[in-house]
N, C-alpha and C. Protein backbone atom coordinates (compact mmCIF):
# COMPACT_ATOMS: atom_id res chain seq x y z
N ASP A 1 44.54 -31.95 109.44
CA ASP A 1 45.51 -32.89 110.00
C ASP A 1 46.70 -32.93 109.04
N THR A 2 47.43 -31.84 109.02
CA THR A 2 48.49 -31.61 108.03
C THR A 2 49.48 -32.76 107.93
N GLN A 3 50.03 -33.20 109.04
CA GLN A 3 51.08 -34.20 109.00
C GLN A 3 50.59 -35.57 108.56
N ASN A 4 49.29 -35.78 108.59
CA ASN A 4 48.72 -37.05 108.10
C ASN A 4 48.07 -36.88 106.74
N ASP A 5 48.29 -35.72 106.10
CA ASP A 5 47.85 -35.47 104.72
C ASP A 5 46.36 -35.70 104.54
N ARG A 6 45.56 -35.15 105.45
CA ARG A 6 44.12 -35.35 105.37
C ARG A 6 43.37 -34.20 106.02
N ILE A 7 42.08 -34.12 105.69
CA ILE A 7 41.16 -33.18 106.33
C ILE A 7 40.18 -34.03 107.12
N VAL A 8 40.02 -33.70 108.40
CA VAL A 8 39.16 -34.48 109.29
C VAL A 8 38.00 -33.60 109.77
N GLU A 9 36.79 -34.12 109.67
CA GLU A 9 35.61 -33.43 110.16
C GLU A 9 35.30 -33.91 111.58
N TRP A 10 35.09 -32.94 112.47
CA TRP A 10 34.71 -33.24 113.86
C TRP A 10 33.35 -32.63 114.11
N LEU A 11 32.35 -33.45 114.30
CA LEU A 11 31.01 -32.97 114.61
C LEU A 11 30.91 -32.66 116.10
N PRO A 12 30.04 -31.72 116.48
CA PRO A 12 29.89 -31.39 117.91
C PRO A 12 29.58 -32.64 118.73
N GLY A 13 30.31 -32.82 119.82
CA GLY A 13 30.10 -33.95 120.71
C GLY A 13 30.76 -35.24 120.26
N ALA A 14 31.38 -35.25 119.09
CA ALA A 14 32.02 -36.47 118.58
C ALA A 14 33.25 -36.82 119.40
N THR A 15 33.52 -38.10 119.52
CA THR A 15 34.74 -38.57 120.18
C THR A 15 35.76 -39.04 119.16
N GLN A 16 35.36 -39.05 117.90
CA GLN A 16 36.23 -39.47 116.81
C GLN A 16 35.89 -38.66 115.58
N GLY A 17 36.92 -38.23 114.85
CA GLY A 17 36.70 -37.49 113.61
C GLY A 17 36.56 -38.41 112.42
N GLN A 18 36.07 -37.86 111.31
CA GLN A 18 35.90 -38.62 110.07
C GLN A 18 36.72 -37.96 108.97
N VAL A 19 37.55 -38.74 108.29
CA VAL A 19 38.34 -38.22 107.18
C VAL A 19 37.40 -37.88 106.03
N VAL A 20 37.46 -36.62 105.56
CA VAL A 20 36.59 -36.19 104.47
C VAL A 20 37.37 -35.82 103.21
N ALA A 21 38.69 -35.77 103.30
CA ALA A 21 39.52 -35.49 102.13
C ALA A 21 40.93 -36.00 102.39
N GLY A 22 41.54 -36.59 101.37
CA GLY A 22 42.91 -37.08 101.49
C GLY A 22 43.02 -38.31 102.36
N GLY A 23 44.14 -38.40 103.08
CA GLY A 23 44.41 -39.54 103.93
C GLY A 23 45.61 -40.33 103.49
N GLU A 24 46.09 -40.04 102.30
CA GLU A 24 47.27 -40.70 101.77
C GLU A 24 48.09 -39.64 101.04
N ARG A 25 49.38 -39.58 101.30
CA ARG A 25 50.25 -38.59 100.67
C ARG A 25 50.44 -38.89 99.20
N GLY A 26 50.33 -37.85 98.38
CA GLY A 26 50.57 -38.00 96.95
C GLY A 26 50.01 -36.83 96.17
N ALA A 27 50.10 -36.93 94.85
CA ALA A 27 49.66 -35.85 93.96
C ALA A 27 48.42 -36.21 93.16
N ALA A 28 47.89 -37.43 93.32
CA ALA A 28 46.66 -37.80 92.62
C ALA A 28 45.50 -36.98 93.19
N LEU A 29 44.39 -36.91 92.49
CA LEU A 29 43.28 -36.08 92.92
C LEU A 29 42.57 -36.59 94.18
N ASN A 30 42.83 -37.81 94.58
CA ASN A 30 42.27 -38.33 95.83
C ASN A 30 43.29 -38.25 96.97
N GLN A 31 44.41 -37.58 96.75
CA GLN A 31 45.48 -37.48 97.73
C GLN A 31 45.82 -36.02 98.02
N LEU A 32 46.38 -35.78 99.19
CA LEU A 32 46.89 -34.47 99.57
C LEU A 32 48.33 -34.65 100.04
N TYR A 33 49.09 -33.56 99.98
CA TYR A 33 50.46 -33.59 100.47
C TYR A 33 50.69 -32.30 101.26
N TRP A 34 50.53 -32.41 102.58
CA TRP A 34 50.72 -31.32 103.51
C TRP A 34 49.64 -30.24 103.32
N PRO A 35 48.36 -30.60 103.50
CA PRO A 35 47.31 -29.59 103.40
C PRO A 35 47.50 -28.53 104.48
N TYR A 36 47.52 -27.28 104.08
CA TYR A 36 47.90 -26.19 104.97
C TYR A 36 46.71 -25.43 105.54
N ASP A 37 45.67 -25.28 104.75
CA ASP A 37 44.50 -24.54 105.21
C ASP A 37 43.28 -25.05 104.47
N VAL A 38 42.11 -24.84 105.06
CA VAL A 38 40.86 -25.29 104.44
C VAL A 38 39.74 -24.33 104.84
N VAL A 39 38.85 -24.07 103.89
CA VAL A 39 37.64 -23.29 104.17
C VAL A 39 36.46 -24.06 103.61
N VAL A 40 35.29 -23.85 104.20
CA VAL A 40 34.07 -24.48 103.71
C VAL A 40 33.35 -23.47 102.82
N ASP A 41 33.08 -23.87 101.59
CA ASP A 41 32.31 -23.06 100.64
C ASP A 41 30.89 -23.60 100.65
N ALA A 42 30.01 -22.99 101.45
CA ALA A 42 28.64 -23.46 101.58
C ALA A 42 27.82 -23.19 100.33
N ASP A 43 28.31 -22.33 99.44
CA ASP A 43 27.59 -21.98 98.22
C ASP A 43 28.18 -22.65 96.99
N GLY A 44 28.98 -23.69 97.20
CA GLY A 44 29.59 -24.40 96.08
C GLY A 44 28.57 -25.11 95.23
N PRO A 45 28.93 -25.41 93.98
CA PRO A 45 28.01 -26.14 93.11
C PRO A 45 27.69 -27.51 93.70
N GLY A 46 26.43 -27.83 93.83
CA GLY A 46 26.04 -29.12 94.39
C GLY A 46 26.06 -29.16 95.91
N GLY A 47 26.21 -28.03 96.56
CA GLY A 47 26.21 -28.00 98.02
C GLY A 47 27.58 -27.68 98.59
N ASP A 48 27.77 -28.04 99.86
CA ASP A 48 29.03 -27.73 100.54
C ASP A 48 30.22 -28.36 99.83
N ARG A 49 31.31 -27.61 99.83
CA ARG A 49 32.58 -28.15 99.35
C ARG A 49 33.70 -27.53 100.15
N LEU A 50 34.81 -28.24 100.20
CA LEU A 50 36.00 -27.75 100.87
C LEU A 50 36.94 -27.15 99.85
N ILE A 51 37.55 -26.04 100.20
CA ILE A 51 38.61 -25.44 99.39
C ILE A 51 39.88 -25.64 100.20
N ILE A 52 40.80 -26.44 99.65
CA ILE A 52 41.98 -26.89 100.40
C ILE A 52 43.26 -26.35 99.77
N ALA A 53 44.09 -25.71 100.58
CA ALA A 53 45.43 -25.30 100.14
C ALA A 53 46.34 -26.52 100.33
N ASP A 54 46.66 -27.18 99.24
CA ASP A 54 47.48 -28.40 99.24
C ASP A 54 48.94 -27.98 99.01
N TYR A 55 49.60 -27.63 100.10
CA TYR A 55 50.88 -26.92 100.09
C TYR A 55 51.97 -27.58 99.25
N GLN A 56 52.32 -28.81 99.51
CA GLN A 56 53.44 -29.44 98.81
C GLN A 56 53.11 -29.83 97.37
N ASN A 57 51.83 -29.86 97.02
CA ASN A 57 51.46 -30.08 95.62
C ASN A 57 51.27 -28.76 94.88
N HIS A 58 51.50 -27.63 95.58
CA HIS A 58 51.44 -26.30 94.98
C HIS A 58 50.12 -26.08 94.24
N ARG A 59 49.02 -26.41 94.92
CA ARG A 59 47.72 -26.28 94.27
C ARG A 59 46.64 -25.97 95.30
N VAL A 60 45.52 -25.51 94.78
CA VAL A 60 44.30 -25.35 95.57
C VAL A 60 43.29 -26.33 94.99
N VAL A 61 42.68 -27.12 95.87
CA VAL A 61 41.77 -28.18 95.44
C VAL A 61 40.38 -27.92 96.02
N ALA A 62 39.36 -28.05 95.18
CA ALA A 62 37.97 -28.00 95.64
C ALA A 62 37.49 -29.44 95.79
N TRP A 63 36.94 -29.76 96.95
CA TRP A 63 36.53 -31.13 97.26
C TRP A 63 35.06 -31.10 97.65
N ASN A 64 34.18 -31.59 96.78
CA ASN A 64 32.74 -31.58 97.05
C ASN A 64 32.40 -32.55 98.18
N ALA A 65 31.38 -32.20 98.95
CA ALA A 65 30.92 -33.05 100.05
C ALA A 65 30.59 -34.44 99.53
N GLY A 66 31.11 -35.46 100.19
CA GLY A 66 30.84 -36.85 99.82
C GLY A 66 31.68 -37.38 98.69
N SER A 67 32.53 -36.55 98.09
CA SER A 67 33.35 -36.97 96.97
C SER A 67 34.57 -37.75 97.43
N THR A 68 35.11 -38.58 96.57
CA THR A 68 36.32 -39.33 96.87
C THR A 68 37.57 -38.69 96.30
N GLN A 69 37.40 -37.57 95.58
CA GLN A 69 38.56 -36.87 95.06
C GLN A 69 38.22 -35.38 94.85
N GLY A 70 39.27 -34.59 94.74
CA GLY A 70 39.09 -33.16 94.54
C GLY A 70 39.30 -32.78 93.09
N GLN A 71 39.15 -31.49 92.84
CA GLN A 71 39.37 -30.91 91.52
C GLN A 71 40.31 -29.72 91.69
N VAL A 72 41.38 -29.67 90.91
CA VAL A 72 42.34 -28.58 91.00
C VAL A 72 41.68 -27.31 90.48
N VAL A 73 41.68 -26.26 91.29
CA VAL A 73 41.11 -24.99 90.87
C VAL A 73 42.18 -23.91 90.72
N ALA A 74 43.40 -24.17 91.18
CA ALA A 74 44.51 -23.24 90.99
C ALA A 74 45.81 -23.99 91.21
N GLY A 75 46.85 -23.63 90.43
CA GLY A 75 48.18 -24.20 90.60
C GLY A 75 48.29 -25.60 90.03
N GLY A 76 49.26 -26.35 90.54
CA GLY A 76 49.52 -27.69 90.07
C GLY A 76 50.72 -28.27 90.77
N SER A 77 51.09 -29.48 90.48
CA SER A 77 52.16 -30.18 91.22
C SER A 77 53.56 -29.77 90.82
N GLN A 78 53.72 -28.89 89.86
CA GLN A 78 55.06 -28.50 89.42
C GLN A 78 55.62 -27.30 90.16
N GLY A 79 54.82 -26.63 90.94
CA GLY A 79 55.31 -25.45 91.67
C GLY A 79 55.47 -24.26 90.76
N GLY A 80 56.08 -23.21 91.29
CA GLY A 80 56.30 -22.06 90.44
C GLY A 80 56.07 -20.77 91.14
């Protein structure tokens, strides 16, 4: 949900999605700014995690399942 700065999970048959990452624009580790793409890493440490291309923060963030914040794995908020 790029324009709302969040990643939403939709389970089969659901009528409403659940925000699983972000939801508020910013550069803090619990925020995203124009998330562009996401993949699920089923082999991540501790189980499933999301790998998120956080476009306007110029970073890639790993977000573990159930976590309230991500961890920067590439880039940063300064661009380059």
